[in-house]
Amino acid sequence: MRTLWVCAVAGGPFQYAATEPGSTEMGLEEAHRELKIAPDEFDEVAAEVGRTLDFFEVPPAEKGEVLAAFAAHKDEVTTGYQDAH
């Protein structure tokens, strides 16, 4: 799912259909809830995505789009951590 999401955000050719938060067991918040991902852990994954995009010489504009789309889901992915604290 992650690969499809990155490809879709970067302009294709693959498509990814997101779900509304809480609408399915496969939504981001439910898929990550039990992992209890802390906000700083999320940020480190985002940084690794950035480093990977740099490695593959993704242009700055496209890199920014991917990282902005990634950051937009921080609350959903860190819900389990937030609930535990």
Protein backbone atom coordinates (compact mmCIF):
# COMPACT_ATOMS: atom_id res chain seq x y z
CA MET A 1 0.00 0.00 0.00
CA ARG A 2 2.86 2.36 0.84
CA THR A 3 4.43 1.91 -2.60
CA LEU A 4 1.13 2.56 -4.36
CA TRP A 5 0.59 5.65 -2.22
CA VAL A 6 4.02 7.13 -3.00
CA CYS A 7 3.59 6.38 -6.71
CA ALA A 8 0.16 8.04 -6.74
CA VAL A 9 1.39 11.10 -4.84
CA ALA A 10 4.33 11.40 -7.22
CA GLY A 11 2.04 11.42 -10.25
CA GLY A 12 1.56 7.81 -11.15
CA PRO A 13 1.34 5.54 -12.92
CA PHE A 14 -0.15 3.59 -10.02
CA GLN A 15 -3.29 4.69 -8.20
CA TYR A 16 -4.09 4.55 -4.50
CA ALA A 17 -7.54 5.18 -3.09
CA ALA A 18 -7.34 6.54 0.45
CA THR A 19 -10.05 5.87 3.01
CA GLU A 20 -11.73 8.33 5.35
CA PRO A 21 -10.31 8.14 8.90
CA GLY A 22 -12.24 5.56 10.92
CA SER A 23 -14.20 4.23 7.95
CA THR A 24 -12.39 0.91 7.62
CA GLU A 25 -10.08 -1.41 9.50
CA MET A 26 -7.50 -0.74 6.78
CA GLY A 27 -7.43 3.02 7.39
CA LEU A 28 -4.14 4.56 8.43
CA GLU A 29 -5.14 5.11 12.03
CA GLU A 30 -6.30 1.50 12.52
CA ALA A 31 -3.42 -0.01 10.56
CA HIS A 32 -0.92 1.82 12.78
CA ARG A 33 -2.79 2.11 16.13
CA GLU A 34 -1.23 -0.90 17.85
CA LEU A 35 2.26 0.14 16.72
CA LYS A 36 1.98 3.25 18.93
CA ILE A 37 4.22 5.30 16.63
CA ALA A 38 5.47 8.42 18.42
CA PRO A 39 5.51 11.74 16.57
CA ASP A 40 9.32 11.82 16.63
CA GLU A 41 9.42 8.31 15.13
CA PHE A 42 7.07 9.48 12.38
CA ASP A 43 9.37 12.43 11.73
CA GLU A 44 12.37 10.13 11.40
CA VAL A 45 10.52 7.98 8.85
CA ALA A 46 9.69 11.17 6.93
CA ALA A 47 13.37 12.12 7.03
CA GLU A 48 14.30 8.67 5.69
CA VAL A 49 11.77 9.08 2.87
CA GLY A 50 13.44 12.41 2.09
CA ARG A 51 16.89 10.82 2.07
CA THR A 52 15.62 8.07 -0.24
CA LEU A 53 14.13 10.60 -2.63
CA ASP A 54 17.47 12.44 -2.61
CA PHE A 55 19.33 9.20 -3.35
CA PHE A 56 17.15 8.64 -6.41
CA GLU A 57 17.59 12.28 -7.43
CA VAL A 58 13.90 13.14 -7.28
CA PRO A 59 13.55 16.81 -8.19
CA PRO A 60 12.90 19.22 -5.29
CA ALA A 61 9.32 20.09 -6.32
CA GLU A 62 8.24 16.45 -6.49
CA LYS A 63 10.13 15.63 -3.30
CA GLY A 64 8.28 18.44 -1.55
CA GLU A 65 4.93 17.14 -2.78
CA VAL A 66 5.62 13.63 -1.51
CA LEU A 67 6.87 14.85 1.88
CA ALA A 68 3.91 17.23 2.28
CA ALA A 69 1.48 14.42 1.50
CA PHE A 70 3.31 12.18 3.99
CA ALA A 71 3.21 14.84 6.71
CA ALA A 72 -0.51 15.36 6.18
CA HIS A 73 -1.14 11.90 7.70
CA LYS A 74 0.95 12.33 10.85
CA ASP A 75 -2.06 12.56 13.18
CA GLU A 76 -3.63 9.40 11.76
CA VAL A 77 -0.41 7.37 11.96
CA THR A 78 0.40 8.51 15.52
CA THR A 79 -3.12 8.01 16.91
CA GLY A 80 -2.14 4.89 18.86
CA TYR A 81 0.71 6.70 20.60
CA GLN A 82 -1.49 9.70 21.36
CA ASP A 83 -4.22 7.44 22.80
CA ALA A 84 -1.68 5.71 25.07
CA HIS A 85 -0.38 8.98 26.50
